[in-house]
Protein backbone atom coordinates (compact mmCIF):
# COMPACT_ATOMS: atom_id res chain seq x y z
CA MET A 1 -68.31 29.73 -27.68
CA THR A 2 -67.74 26.83 -25.43
CA SER A 3 -65.04 23.72 -26.32
CA ARG A 4 -67.91 21.67 -27.84
CA GLU A 5 -68.73 24.33 -30.09
CA ALA A 6 -65.01 24.58 -31.14
CA GLY A 7 -65.29 20.79 -31.57
CA SER A 8 -62.97 19.82 -28.57
CA PRO A 9 -64.54 16.75 -26.94
CA SER A 10 -65.71 17.33 -23.25
CA PRO A 11 -63.57 15.74 -20.41
CA ALA A 12 -66.86 12.95 -20.14
CA GLU A 13 -66.55 12.32 -23.67
CA ILE A 14 -62.52 11.75 -23.56
CA ALA A 15 -63.07 9.67 -20.61
CA LYS A 16 -65.85 7.28 -22.13
CA ALA A 17 -63.50 7.09 -26.04
CA PHE A 18 -60.51 6.12 -23.18
CA ALA A 19 -62.16 3.51 -21.59
CA GLU A 20 -63.56 1.93 -24.96
CA GLY A 21 -59.47 1.96 -26.10
CA ARG A 22 -60.40 4.53 -29.14
CA PRO A 23 -56.67 5.91 -30.01
CA ASP A 24 -57.57 9.67 -30.34
CA SER A 25 -58.52 9.54 -27.12
CA LEU A 26 -55.00 9.49 -25.74
CA SER A 27 -54.24 12.39 -27.69
CA ASP A 28 -57.31 14.25 -26.77
CA ALA A 29 -56.21 13.30 -22.59
CA TYR A 30 -52.94 14.19 -22.81
CA GLN A 31 -53.99 17.58 -24.28
CA ARG A 32 -56.37 18.15 -21.70
CA TRP A 33 -54.64 16.84 -18.71
CA SER A 34 -50.71 16.69 -19.41
CA THR A 35 -50.01 20.13 -18.24
CA MET A 36 -51.55 19.60 -14.83
CA ILE A 37 -49.68 16.02 -14.70
CA PHE A 38 -46.50 17.81 -15.66
CA THR A 39 -47.12 20.57 -13.17
CA LEU A 40 -47.75 17.99 -10.37
CA SER A 41 -44.93 16.60 -10.78
CA LEU A 42 -42.63 19.50 -11.17
CA ARG A 43 -43.71 20.83 -7.76
CA ALA A 44 -43.03 17.16 -6.45
CA LEU A 45 -40.15 16.37 -8.04
CA GLY A 46 -38.22 20.01 -8.66
CA ASN A 47 -36.61 19.23 -11.81
CA ARG A 48 -37.89 19.52 -15.21
CA ALA A 49 -36.48 16.53 -17.10
CA ASP A 50 -37.99 14.25 -13.74
CA ALA A 51 -41.29 16.07 -14.25
CA GLU A 52 -41.34 15.31 -18.24
CA ASP A 53 -40.45 11.73 -17.47
CA VAL A 54 -43.13 11.36 -15.27
CA THR A 55 -45.79 13.32 -17.61
CA GLN A 56 -44.64 10.69 -20.14
CA GLN A 57 -45.01 7.64 -17.81
CA VAL A 58 -48.35 8.34 -16.69
CA PHE A 59 -49.95 8.80 -19.98
CA VAL A 60 -48.48 5.23 -21.02
CA SER A 61 -49.47 3.28 -17.72
CA ALA A 62 -52.88 5.04 -18.21
CA TRP A 63 -53.49 3.62 -21.32
CA ARG A 64 -51.87 0.19 -20.79
CA GLY A 65 -54.12 0.42 -18.00
CA ARG A 66 -57.22 1.82 -19.22
CA ALA A 67 -59.61 -1.65 -18.67
CA ASN A 68 -59.31 -0.54 -15.07
CA PHE A 69 -60.69 2.95 -15.67
CA ASP A 70 -64.34 3.20 -15.29
CA PRO A 71 -65.86 6.35 -16.37
CA ASP A 72 -68.79 5.87 -14.53
CA ASN A 73 -67.14 5.56 -11.26
CA GLY A 74 -64.96 8.49 -11.47
CA GLN A 75 -63.10 11.43 -13.42
CA LEU A 76 -60.34 10.41 -15.91
CA GLY A 77 -58.31 13.81 -14.69
CA ALA A 78 -58.55 12.06 -11.26
CA TRP A 79 -57.84 8.81 -11.99
CA LEU A 80 -54.27 10.32 -13.73
CA THR A 81 -53.63 12.30 -10.78
CA GLY A 82 -53.51 8.96 -8.77
CA ILE A 83 -51.41 7.12 -11.20
CA THR A 84 -49.30 10.66 -11.14
CA ARG A 85 -48.92 10.39 -7.22
CA HIS A 86 -47.52 6.80 -8.04
CA ARG A 87 -45.08 7.89 -10.56
CA ILE A 88 -43.78 10.77 -8.59
CA ALA A 89 -43.45 8.39 -5.56
CA ASP A 90 -41.70 5.44 -7.59
CA ARG A 91 -39.16 8.42 -8.58
CA LEU A 92 -38.31 9.68 -5.29
CA THR A 93 -37.90 6.11 -4.32
CA ALA A 94 -35.55 5.77 -7.03
CA ARG A 95 -33.67 9.19 -6.07
CA SER A 96 -33.75 7.77 -2.45
CA ARG A 97 -31.69 4.59 -3.61
CA GLU A 98 -29.03 6.20 -5.79
CA LEU A 99 -28.06 8.80 -3.42
CA ARG A 100 -28.26 5.84 -0.52
CA ASN A 101 -25.63 4.23 -3.20
CA SER A 102 -23.60 7.56 -3.90
CA GLU A 103 -23.23 7.66 0.11
CA ALA A 104 -22.51 4.12 0.54
CA ALA A 105 -19.77 3.92 -2.13
CA ALA A 106 -17.81 7.69 -0.82
CA ARG A 107 -18.19 5.69 2.57
CA LEU A 108 -16.71 2.68 1.54
CA ALA A 109 -14.04 4.61 -0.66
CA GLU A 110 -13.34 6.86 3.08
CA GLN A 111 -13.02 3.66 4.44
CA ARG A 112 -10.50 1.47 2.73
CA PRO A 113 -8.18 4.01 0.90
CA THR A 114 -5.28 2.43 0.65
CA GLN A 115 -6.44 -0.90 -0.19
CA VAL A 116 -5.68 -2.56 -3.56
CA VAL A 117 -8.63 -3.02 -5.89
CA ASP A 118 -8.84 -6.38 -7.97
CA ASP A 119 -9.08 -6.36 -11.72
CA LEU A 120 -12.75 -7.12 -11.42
CA THR A 121 -13.37 -4.50 -9.45
CA VAL A 122 -12.14 -2.24 -11.54
CA ASP A 123 -14.08 -3.40 -14.63
CA ARG A 124 -17.14 -3.32 -12.58
CA LEU A 125 -16.60 0.12 -11.78
CA VAL A 126 -15.92 1.31 -15.73
CA ILE A 127 -19.08 -0.81 -16.65
CA ALA A 128 -21.38 1.28 -14.35
CA ASP A 129 -19.43 4.26 -15.28
CA GLU A 130 -20.27 3.42 -19.06
CA LEU A 131 -23.67 2.46 -18.58
CA GLU A 132 -24.81 5.66 -17.57
CA ARG A 133 -22.88 7.54 -20.22
CA LEU A 134 -25.40 6.00 -22.49
CA ASP A 135 -28.06 7.43 -23.66
CA ASP A 136 -31.47 6.28 -23.57
CA PRO A 137 -33.56 3.98 -24.07
CA ARG A 138 -30.21 1.87 -24.54
CA ARG A 139 -29.21 2.65 -20.91
CA THR A 140 -32.70 1.62 -19.83
CA ILE A 141 -32.73 -1.72 -21.32
CA LEU A 142 -29.19 -2.95 -20.40
CA LYS A 143 -29.87 -1.83 -16.45
CA LEU A 144 -33.51 -3.66 -16.98
CA ALA A 145 -31.59 -7.00 -18.56
CA PHE A 146 -28.76 -6.91 -16.39
CA TYR A 147 -29.52 -5.47 -13.26
CA GLU A 148 -33.36 -6.40 -12.69
CA ASP A 149 -32.80 -9.92 -14.76
CA ARG A 150 -35.85 -8.90 -16.96
CA THR A 151 -36.06 -11.02 -20.26
CA HIS A 152 -36.27 -9.60 -23.81
CA PRO A 153 -39.99 -10.07 -23.94
CA GLN A 154 -40.46 -8.44 -20.94
CA ILE A 155 -38.24 -5.21 -21.65
CA ALA A 156 -40.02 -4.90 -24.80
CA GLU A 157 -43.64 -5.24 -23.30
CA GLN A 158 -42.60 -2.72 -20.48
CA LEU A 159 -41.03 0.00 -22.80
CA ASP A 160 -43.27 -0.80 -25.50
CA LEU A 161 -40.31 -1.18 -28.03
CA PRO A 162 -40.20 -4.11 -30.60
CA LEU A 163 -38.52 -7.03 -29.36
CA GLY A 164 -35.83 -6.84 -32.29
CA THR A 165 -35.46 -3.47 -30.95
CA VAL A 166 -34.43 -4.37 -27.65
CA LYS A 167 -31.96 -7.29 -28.97
CA SER A 168 -30.07 -4.65 -31.27
CA HIS A 169 -29.91 -2.12 -28.13
CA ILE A 170 -28.54 -5.18 -26.32
CA ARG A 171 -26.02 -6.17 -28.49
CA ARG A 172 -25.08 -2.70 -29.62
CA GLY A 173 -24.97 -1.90 -25.89
CA LEU A 174 -22.80 -4.65 -24.69
CA LEU A 175 -20.54 -4.27 -28.02
CA HIS A 176 -19.99 -0.58 -26.86
CA LEU A 177 -19.28 -1.41 -23.07
CA ARG A 178 -17.16 -4.44 -24.03
CA ASP A 179 -14.71 -1.58 -26.35
CA ARG A 180 -14.49 0.83 -23.87
CA LEU A 181 -13.56 -1.65 -21.00
CA LYS A 182 -10.58 -2.53 -23.67
CA GLU A 183 -9.74 0.75 -23.69
CA VAL A 184 -9.90 1.75 -20.13
CA THR A 185 -8.42 -1.44 -19.00
CA GLY A 186 -5.96 -2.86 -21.84
CA ASP A 187 -6.97 -6.05 -23.24
CA ALA A 188 -7.04 -9.24 -21.38
CA THR A 189 -4.64 -10.70 -23.21
CA SER A 190 -1.86 -8.40 -22.19
CA ARG A 191 -2.52 -9.08 -18.64
């Protein structure tokens, strides 16, 4: 029995429906190519969680950019593979940046071990540490808002979340960070 007889659409049918924006085509494309995307990502990144994130990002990016896909000029699987390569490169770049930042912080700590750290530096370090402890999507939303200077609507669009959800995550995240900063460093009025 062929896949067509079993009711599964062919790759060409999936590609055509995908380009037309039919919602069920995203599910069909995911079922057809997600294992390949995940395997490519896992081999390149060597980390299951990163590979899962990249796989999800590929399909979200593909769906958002489906207007750029022309089934007459190429196969959907090949197009998804191209997106995968870009997302893998993005993740490797982020890892490299994180490693450089960690190494720079370690070198700085070694260079000035006896220097007195001011309260503002302590606050920044506590906030950065607490931010890393937050669960996603709150951590990602706060980083986009304050490290990348994105507006609430830009964050909502990028993460495909309702604007109200983004605003709620920012508010709750800031309240959490404020409370943790008070716990760790003491209330500013007591200084």
